[in-house]
Amino acid sequence: MLTVDGATVLFGRVTALDGVDLEVATGEVVAILGPSGCGKSTLLRTVAGLQPLDSGEVRWNGEDLAGLPVHRRDFGLMFQEHALFSHRDVAANVAFGLRMQKMDAAGRIRRVREVLGLVGLAGYQERAIATLSGGEAQRVALARSLAPEPRLLMLDEPLGSLDRPRREELTEELRHLLRRIGVTVLHVTHDHDEAFAVAERVAVMQSGRIARIGAPAEIWRDPRHPDVARFLGHANVVTVGQGGSVPWGRLHVAPGLVVVRADAFRRMEGSPAGADDAVTGTVTDVRFRGDRFETTLRTEPGDVELLIRDPRRAAQGDRLRYAVDRAAVMPVGASDA
C-alpha cells in the first residue's frame, strides 16, 4: 500500500501541496484529477522521489521512503512527452529499464516481447521510433514503464498529447490493460472523462489539497464542493435561500449552496398543479451531444442560465417548463473529501 501523510511542498511563498493525505491499496487504480496548477503533478513527483517534501511522509507498506533515491523505489513513471530515445529501436527503448536492472540479454528479449504483446504492439521490436504514430509511441512508453515490473506505476497525463478521437480510443485500451495487469497505479490527468473511465477511485485536487475523493459515480453525483462541481462540468451552482427560494422560484431543499445536476430536469407540458418547484424559461442555446441535447435555459423570472440535459430537441427561443428532481440537487458547501 502507498500512503501519503500530510504531504506539504512549498515553492517560495506558493504552497504547491498543502497537507495532502492519500492511501492507494495494492492493485488499485487511483486518478489524481484537477486543473492546471492544482498540485497533481507535484504530488506525483513527490511520490516518485523527484520532489522533496517540506513536511509529511510518503510510505510504501509502512516504510518511510524519505531519502530513498528514485531508482531504488521500484516505481515506474511515464510522462506525457514519452521521452523515447529516437536513435534506438522500439526493443531498445522498452529494454532500457531492464538494462538498468542488469537483466541478461535473453531475459531482456523475452520480457520486451511479453510487454509489447501486452500493449498491442507484438512484432514491433525492430521498428524505428520515427515511424510510429502518436498512439503507438504512447504504448511504447507505457511498455517501457511496465517492463521492469514496478510495484507502483505512475502516469502523468499519459494521453494528453493525443487528439480527442485517439485519446478516447486509448483511454479504453488503457483501462482494460491496467485491469488485466493488476498493477497499482497513480494516474494524473486534467480530463474527468479519462479519470472516470480508467480509475476505481478519483481524487479531485484544488489549490494543493484533495477536495473530494471517491468512486467516479460518487463524486459525479455528489461533488460536495462548489469548485469540484464546476470543474466536473456541473454548471448549475446556485444559492438556496430561506424557504427554498431561488432566483426563478423555489426548490424544496435546505438553504445553502447547491448544484442542480443537468440530469435533474424533466420537460413538462403545460403547467400542472403541484409543480411549484418547476422552472420556466426561454431556450438560448442547444448543443447536440450524441445521446442527448444540452439545452441552455434562461429562467423566467430570475434571468439565470441553467444547463439542462434533455433527450428531446428544442429550438432557440422556445419557452419551456421543467420539473426538478430533488434527488439530483446536491449541497456543495465546502466540506472534507
Protein backbone atom coordinates (compact mmCIF):
# COMPACT_ATOMS: atom_id res chain seq x y z
CA MET A 1 0.00 0.00 0.00
CA LEU A 2 1.07 3.55 -0.82
CA THR A 3 0.43 6.04 1.99
CA VAL A 4 0.86 9.81 1.69
CA ASP A 5 0.52 11.54 5.05
CA GLY A 6 0.42 15.33 5.42
CA ALA A 7 2.48 15.94 2.26
CA THR A 8 3.42 19.63 2.01
CA VAL A 9 5.57 21.24 -0.68
CA LEU A 10 6.43 24.94 -0.80
CA PHE A 11 7.84 26.85 -3.77
CA GLY A 12 8.80 30.12 -2.13
CA ARG A 13 5.53 31.69 -0.99
CA VAL A 14 3.46 29.30 -3.09
CA THR A 15 2.06 26.19 -1.38
CA ALA A 16 2.01 23.52 -4.09
CA LEU A 17 0.86 20.74 -1.73
CA ASP A 18 -1.00 21.59 1.46
CA GLY A 19 -1.10 18.64 3.86
CA VAL A 20 -2.23 16.01 1.35
CA ASP A 21 -3.33 12.62 2.71
CA LEU A 22 -3.84 9.68 0.36
CA GLU A 23 -3.87 5.90 0.52
CA VAL A 24 -3.70 3.61 -2.52
CA ALA A 25 -4.25 -0.10 -1.98
CA THR A 26 -2.17 -2.72 -3.76
CA GLY A 27 -3.61 -3.30 -7.23
CA GLU A 28 -5.83 -0.22 -7.09
CA VAL A 29 -6.02 2.39 -9.88
CA VAL A 30 -6.42 5.92 -8.48
CA ALA A 31 -6.68 9.01 -10.68
CA ILE A 32 -5.46 12.39 -9.46
CA LEU A 33 -7.71 14.86 -11.25
CA GLY A 34 -7.64 18.63 -11.33
CA PRO A 35 -6.97 21.81 -13.30
CA SER A 36 -3.51 23.10 -14.20
CA GLY A 37 -1.61 24.34 -11.17
CA CYS A 38 -3.64 22.43 -8.58
CA GLY A 39 -0.64 20.35 -7.42
CA LYS A 40 -1.42 16.99 -9.03
CA SER A 41 1.91 16.62 -10.88
CA THR A 42 3.79 17.86 -7.80
CA LEU A 43 2.10 15.09 -5.81
CA LEU A 44 3.21 12.52 -8.38
CA ARG A 45 6.79 13.82 -8.38
CA THR A 46 6.81 13.72 -4.59
CA VAL A 47 5.78 10.06 -4.58
CA ALA A 48 8.40 9.30 -7.23
CA GLY A 49 11.14 10.96 -5.16
CA LEU A 50 11.77 13.70 -7.72
CA GLN A 51 10.45 16.44 -5.42
CA PRO A 52 11.42 16.57 -1.71
CA LEU A 53 8.75 17.22 0.90
CA ASP A 54 8.86 20.22 3.18
CA SER A 55 6.82 18.20 5.67
CA GLY A 56 4.87 14.95 5.72
CA GLU A 57 5.69 11.41 4.68
CA VAL A 58 5.43 9.04 1.74
CA ARG A 59 5.40 5.36 2.76
CA TRP A 60 5.17 2.03 0.97
CA ASN A 61 3.84 -0.82 3.11
CA GLY A 62 4.67 1.29 6.16
CA GLU A 63 8.28 2.03 5.12
CA ASP A 64 9.15 5.74 5.05
CA LEU A 65 10.66 6.48 1.62
CA ALA A 66 12.40 9.71 2.70
CA GLY A 67 15.98 9.64 1.45
CA LEU A 68 15.37 6.63 -0.81
CA PRO A 69 16.56 7.64 -4.31
CA VAL A 70 14.28 7.43 -7.33
CA HIS A 71 15.93 4.38 -8.89
CA ARG A 72 15.58 2.35 -5.67
CA ARG A 73 11.86 2.98 -5.13
CA ASP A 74 10.89 0.42 -7.78
CA PHE A 75 8.28 2.79 -9.16
CA GLY A 76 7.57 3.24 -12.88
CA LEU A 77 6.93 6.76 -14.20
CA MET A 78 5.52 7.72 -17.59
CA PHE A 79 5.30 11.35 -18.68
CA GLN A 80 3.10 12.90 -21.36
CA GLU A 81 6.16 13.63 -23.52
CA HIS A 82 7.15 9.91 -23.65
CA ALA A 83 10.90 10.84 -23.75
CA LEU A 84 11.64 7.93 -26.09
CA PHE A 85 15.17 7.56 -27.48
CA SER A 86 14.76 8.41 -31.17
CA HIS A 87 18.11 6.85 -32.14
CA ARG A 88 17.11 3.44 -30.73
CA ASP A 89 14.50 1.00 -31.99
CA VAL A 90 11.40 0.01 -30.05
CA ALA A 91 13.03 -3.01 -28.40
CA ALA A 92 15.97 -0.95 -27.11
CA ASN A 93 13.60 1.67 -25.70
CA VAL A 94 11.48 -0.89 -23.89
CA ALA A 95 14.58 -2.68 -22.58
CA PHE A 96 16.10 0.47 -21.07
CA GLY A 97 14.94 -0.19 -17.52
CA LEU A 98 15.85 -3.86 -17.81
CA ARG A 99 19.41 -2.90 -18.67
CA MET A 100 19.48 -0.70 -15.58
CA GLN A 101 18.40 -3.79 -13.61
CA LYS A 102 21.30 -5.68 -15.27
CA MET A 103 18.98 -8.33 -16.67
CA ASP A 104 20.73 -10.74 -19.03
CA ALA A 105 20.18 -10.45 -22.81
CA ALA A 106 17.93 -13.50 -23.09
CA GLY A 107 15.74 -12.22 -20.24
CA ARG A 108 15.51 -8.78 -21.84
CA ILE A 109 14.42 -10.21 -25.17
CA ARG A 110 11.77 -12.35 -23.52
CA ARG A 111 10.41 -9.51 -21.35
CA VAL A 112 10.36 -6.99 -24.23
CA ARG A 113 8.36 -9.42 -26.35
CA GLU A 114 5.98 -10.02 -23.46
CA VAL A 115 5.19 -6.36 -22.67
CA LEU A 116 4.91 -5.35 -26.33
CA GLY A 117 2.31 -8.06 -26.75
CA LEU A 118 0.60 -6.78 -23.63
CA VAL A 119 0.20 -3.26 -25.07
CA GLY A 120 -0.83 -4.49 -28.52
CA LEU A 121 2.49 -3.96 -30.30
CA ALA A 122 3.61 -7.55 -30.88
CA GLY A 123 6.32 -7.70 -33.54
CA TYR A 124 7.30 -4.02 -33.22
CA GLN A 125 10.75 -4.74 -31.73
CA GLU A 126 12.75 -3.50 -34.72
CA ARG A 127 10.58 -0.53 -35.64
CA ALA A 128 12.24 2.89 -35.58
CA ILE A 129 10.69 5.40 -33.19
CA ALA A 130 10.27 7.94 -36.01
CA THR A 131 7.92 5.57 -37.88
CA LEU A 132 5.43 5.28 -35.02
CA SER A 133 2.13 7.09 -34.77
CA GLY A 134 1.39 9.15 -31.66
CA GLY A 135 -0.69 6.32 -30.19
CA GLU A 136 1.99 3.73 -30.91
CA ALA A 137 4.68 5.89 -29.31
CA GLN A 138 2.43 6.25 -26.27
CA ARG A 139 2.16 2.47 -25.99
CA VAL A 140 5.92 2.01 -26.34
CA ALA A 141 6.42 4.46 -23.46
CA LEU A 142 3.90 2.51 -21.40
CA ALA A 143 5.63 -0.78 -22.25
CA ARG A 144 8.97 0.70 -21.16
CA SER A 145 7.43 1.71 -17.81
CA LEU A 146 5.93 -1.75 -17.31
CA ALA A 147 8.94 -3.80 -18.39
CA PRO A 148 10.81 -3.68 -15.02
CA GLU A 149 7.60 -4.83 -13.26
CA PRO A 150 7.27 -1.77 -10.98
CA ARG A 151 5.33 -2.13 -7.74
CA LEU A 152 3.70 1.25 -8.49
CA LEU A 153 3.05 2.70 -11.96
CA MET A 154 2.69 6.49 -12.17
CA LEU A 155 1.19 8.06 -15.28
CA ASP A 156 1.47 11.84 -15.72
CA GLU A 157 -1.06 12.98 -18.36
CA PRO A 158 -0.24 9.87 -20.45
CA LEU A 159 -2.77 10.70 -23.17
CA GLY A 160 -2.54 14.48 -23.04
CA SER A 161 -0.70 14.91 -26.35
CA LEU A 162 -3.25 12.96 -28.42
CA ASP A 163 -6.21 14.29 -30.37
CA ARG A 164 -9.69 13.63 -28.93
CA PRO A 165 -10.70 10.56 -31.04
CA ARG A 166 -7.36 8.81 -30.45
CA ARG A 167 -7.42 9.80 -26.80
CA GLU A 168 -10.85 8.25 -26.28
CA GLU A 169 -9.75 5.05 -28.04
CA LEU A 170 -6.58 4.73 -25.97
CA THR A 171 -8.45 5.55 -22.75
CA GLU A 172 -10.48 2.38 -23.23
CA GLU A 173 -7.37 0.39 -24.09
CA LEU A 174 -5.56 1.73 -21.03
CA ARG A 175 -8.50 0.86 -18.76
CA HIS A 176 -8.57 -2.78 -19.93
CA LEU A 177 -4.79 -3.05 -19.86
CA LEU A 178 -4.42 -1.81 -16.27
CA ARG A 179 -7.20 -4.13 -15.09
CA ARG A 180 -5.52 -7.08 -16.78
CA ILE A 181 -2.06 -6.34 -15.37
CA GLY A 182 -3.29 -5.68 -11.83
CA VAL A 183 -0.51 -3.17 -11.07
CA THR A 184 -1.00 -0.36 -8.52
CA VAL A 185 -1.47 2.91 -10.43
CA LEU A 186 -1.47 6.65 -9.79
CA HIS A 187 -2.87 8.31 -12.91
CA VAL A 188 -2.65 12.12 -13.18
CA THR A 189 -4.97 13.87 -15.62
CA HIS A 190 -6.98 17.08 -16.11
CA ASP A 191 -9.67 15.22 -18.11
CA HIS A 192 -12.52 13.91 -15.95
CA ASP A 193 -13.82 11.59 -18.70
CA GLU A 194 -10.40 9.92 -18.78
CA ALA A 195 -10.20 9.71 -14.99
CA PHE A 196 -13.71 8.27 -14.69
CA ALA A 197 -13.04 5.67 -17.38
CA VAL A 198 -9.68 4.45 -16.08
CA ALA A 199 -9.77 4.72 -12.28
CA GLU A 200 -11.54 2.86 -9.50
CA ARG A 201 -11.24 5.95 -7.29
CA VAL A 202 -10.71 9.58 -8.23
CA ALA A 203 -9.07 12.25 -6.05
CA VAL A 204 -10.02 15.76 -7.21
CA MET A 205 -7.40 18.35 -6.30
CA GLN A 206 -7.98 22.06 -5.80
CA SER A 207 -5.29 24.53 -4.68
CA GLY A 208 -2.87 21.92 -3.37
CA ARG A 209 -5.45 19.86 -1.48
CA ILE A 210 -7.61 16.85 -2.19
CA ALA A 211 -11.09 18.40 -2.17
CA ARG A 212 -13.02 15.21 -2.97
CA ILE A 213 -12.16 11.54 -3.27
CA GLY A 214 -14.33 8.56 -4.10
CA ALA A 215 -15.59 6.28 -6.84
CA PRO A 216 -16.26 8.11 -10.13
CA ALA A 217 -20.04 7.75 -9.87
CA GLU A 218 -19.97 9.00 -6.26
CA ILE A 219 -18.12 12.23 -6.93
CA TRP A 220 -20.13 12.93 -10.07
CA ARG A 221 -23.46 12.55 -8.25
CA ASP A 222 -22.27 14.27 -5.08
CA PRO A 223 -19.26 16.60 -5.63
CA ARG A 224 -19.73 18.22 -2.16
CA HIS A 225 -17.59 21.25 -3.02
CA PRO A 226 -18.55 24.08 -5.44
CA ASP A 227 -15.13 24.17 -7.13
CA VAL A 228 -15.22 20.40 -7.64
CA ALA A 229 -18.75 20.65 -9.04
CA ARG A 230 -17.78 23.33 -11.55
CA PHE A 231 -14.59 21.51 -12.57
CA LEU A 232 -16.58 18.34 -13.27
CA GLY A 233 -18.89 20.29 -15.55
CA HIS A 234 -21.81 20.96 -13.22
CA ALA A 235 -22.75 24.44 -14.39
CA ASN A 236 -25.82 24.94 -12.19
CA VAL A 237 -24.37 26.02 -8.84
CA VAL A 238 -26.96 28.19 -7.09
CA THR A 239 -27.73 29.60 -3.64
CA VAL A 240 -30.95 28.44 -1.98
CA GLY A 241 -32.40 30.91 0.48
CA GLN A 242 -34.77 30.51 3.39
CA GLY A 243 -37.87 28.54 2.48
CA GLY A 244 -36.14 27.14 -0.59
CA SER A 245 -36.14 30.40 -2.55
CA VAL A 246 -34.02 30.54 -5.73
CA PRO A 247 -33.91 33.27 -8.42
CA TRP A 248 -36.53 31.55 -10.61
CA GLY A 249 -38.87 30.47 -7.81
CA ARG A 250 -38.47 27.67 -5.29
CA LEU A 251 -36.57 24.41 -4.67
CA HIS A 252 -37.78 22.21 -1.84
CA VAL A 253 -34.30 21.65 -0.39
CA ALA A 254 -32.44 23.02 2.62
CA PRO A 255 -30.90 26.52 2.34
CA GLY A 256 -27.31 26.83 1.19
CA LEU A 257 -25.15 26.40 -1.89
CA VAL A 258 -26.32 23.52 -4.12
CA VAL A 259 -25.58 22.02 -7.52
CA VAL A 260 -28.59 21.20 -9.67
CA ARG A 261 -27.28 18.48 -11.97
CA ALA A 262 -28.10 18.80 -15.66
CA ASP A 263 -29.98 15.49 -15.47
CA ALA A 264 -32.31 16.85 -12.75
CA PHE A 265 -34.76 18.34 -15.26
CA ARG A 266 -37.81 16.66 -16.84
CA ARG A 267 -39.67 18.55 -19.50
CA MET A 268 -43.31 19.25 -18.68
CA GLU A 269 -46.24 20.01 -20.95
CA GLY A 270 -48.49 22.80 -19.73
CA SER A 271 -48.46 23.93 -16.09
CA PRO A 272 -49.76 21.05 -13.95
CA ALA A 273 -50.79 21.76 -10.38
CA GLY A 274 -48.42 20.98 -7.56
CA ALA A 275 -45.31 21.85 -9.58
CA ASP A 276 -44.23 24.93 -7.63
CA ASP A 277 -40.58 23.81 -7.76
CA ALA A 278 -40.61 23.72 -11.57
CA VAL A 279 -38.59 26.16 -13.66
CA THR A 280 -39.78 28.05 -16.71
CA GLY A 281 -37.58 29.81 -19.21
CA THR A 282 -36.51 30.56 -22.77
CA VAL A 283 -34.04 28.40 -24.68
CA THR A 284 -30.92 30.40 -25.59
CA ASP A 285 -28.70 27.59 -26.94
CA VAL A 286 -28.91 23.91 -27.91
CA ARG A 287 -25.96 21.57 -28.49
CA PHE A 288 -26.25 18.01 -29.80
CA ARG A 289 -24.22 15.51 -27.73
CA GLY A 290 -24.97 12.19 -29.40
CA ASP A 291 -27.37 10.66 -26.88
CA ARG A 292 -28.85 13.93 -25.62
CA PHE A 293 -29.25 17.65 -26.19
CA GLU A 294 -27.56 20.13 -23.89
CA THR A 295 -30.04 22.98 -23.60
CA THR A 296 -29.32 26.37 -22.04
CA LEU A 297 -32.44 27.82 -20.45
CA ARG A 298 -32.68 31.46 -19.30
CA THR A 299 -35.09 31.39 -16.39
CA GLU A 300 -38.24 33.48 -16.06
CA PRO A 301 -38.05 35.11 -13.56
CA GLY A 302 -34.50 35.33 -12.25
CA ASP A 303 -32.60 35.69 -15.52
CA VAL A 304 -30.33 32.74 -14.64
CA GLU A 305 -28.90 30.42 -17.29
CA LEU A 306 -29.29 26.72 -16.46
CA LEU A 307 -27.66 23.86 -18.34
CA ILE A 308 -30.19 21.08 -18.93
CA ARG A 309 -29.67 17.57 -20.32
CA ASP A 310 -32.75 16.82 -22.41
CA PRO A 311 -33.40 13.76 -24.62
CA ARG A 312 -35.77 15.91 -26.71
CA ARG A 313 -34.66 18.61 -29.08
CA ALA A 314 -35.61 22.23 -28.51
CA ALA A 315 -35.16 25.30 -30.67
CA GLN A 316 -33.62 28.61 -29.71
CA GLY A 317 -36.40 30.87 -28.47
CA ASP A 318 -38.68 28.06 -27.27
CA ARG A 319 -40.36 28.71 -23.94
CA LEU A 320 -40.22 25.51 -21.88
CA ARG A 321 -41.07 24.31 -18.39
CA TYR A 322 -39.15 21.64 -16.45
CA ALA A 323 -39.79 19.77 -13.21
CA VAL A 324 -36.74 19.44 -10.98
CA ASP A 325 -35.84 16.09 -9.40
CA ARG A 326 -34.81 16.90 -5.83
CA ALA A 327 -32.68 13.72 -5.71
CA ALA A 328 -30.39 15.38 -8.28
CA VAL A 329 -29.94 18.56 -6.21
CA MET A 330 -26.87 18.20 -4.00
CA PRO A 331 -25.45 20.52 -1.31
CA VAL A 332 -21.96 21.74 -2.17
CA GLY A 333 -20.89 23.76 0.83
CA ALA A 334 -17.15 23.45 1.48
CA SER A 335 -16.50 20.17 3.28
CA ASP A 336 -13.89 17.49 3.71
CA ALA A 337 -13.22 14.96 0.96
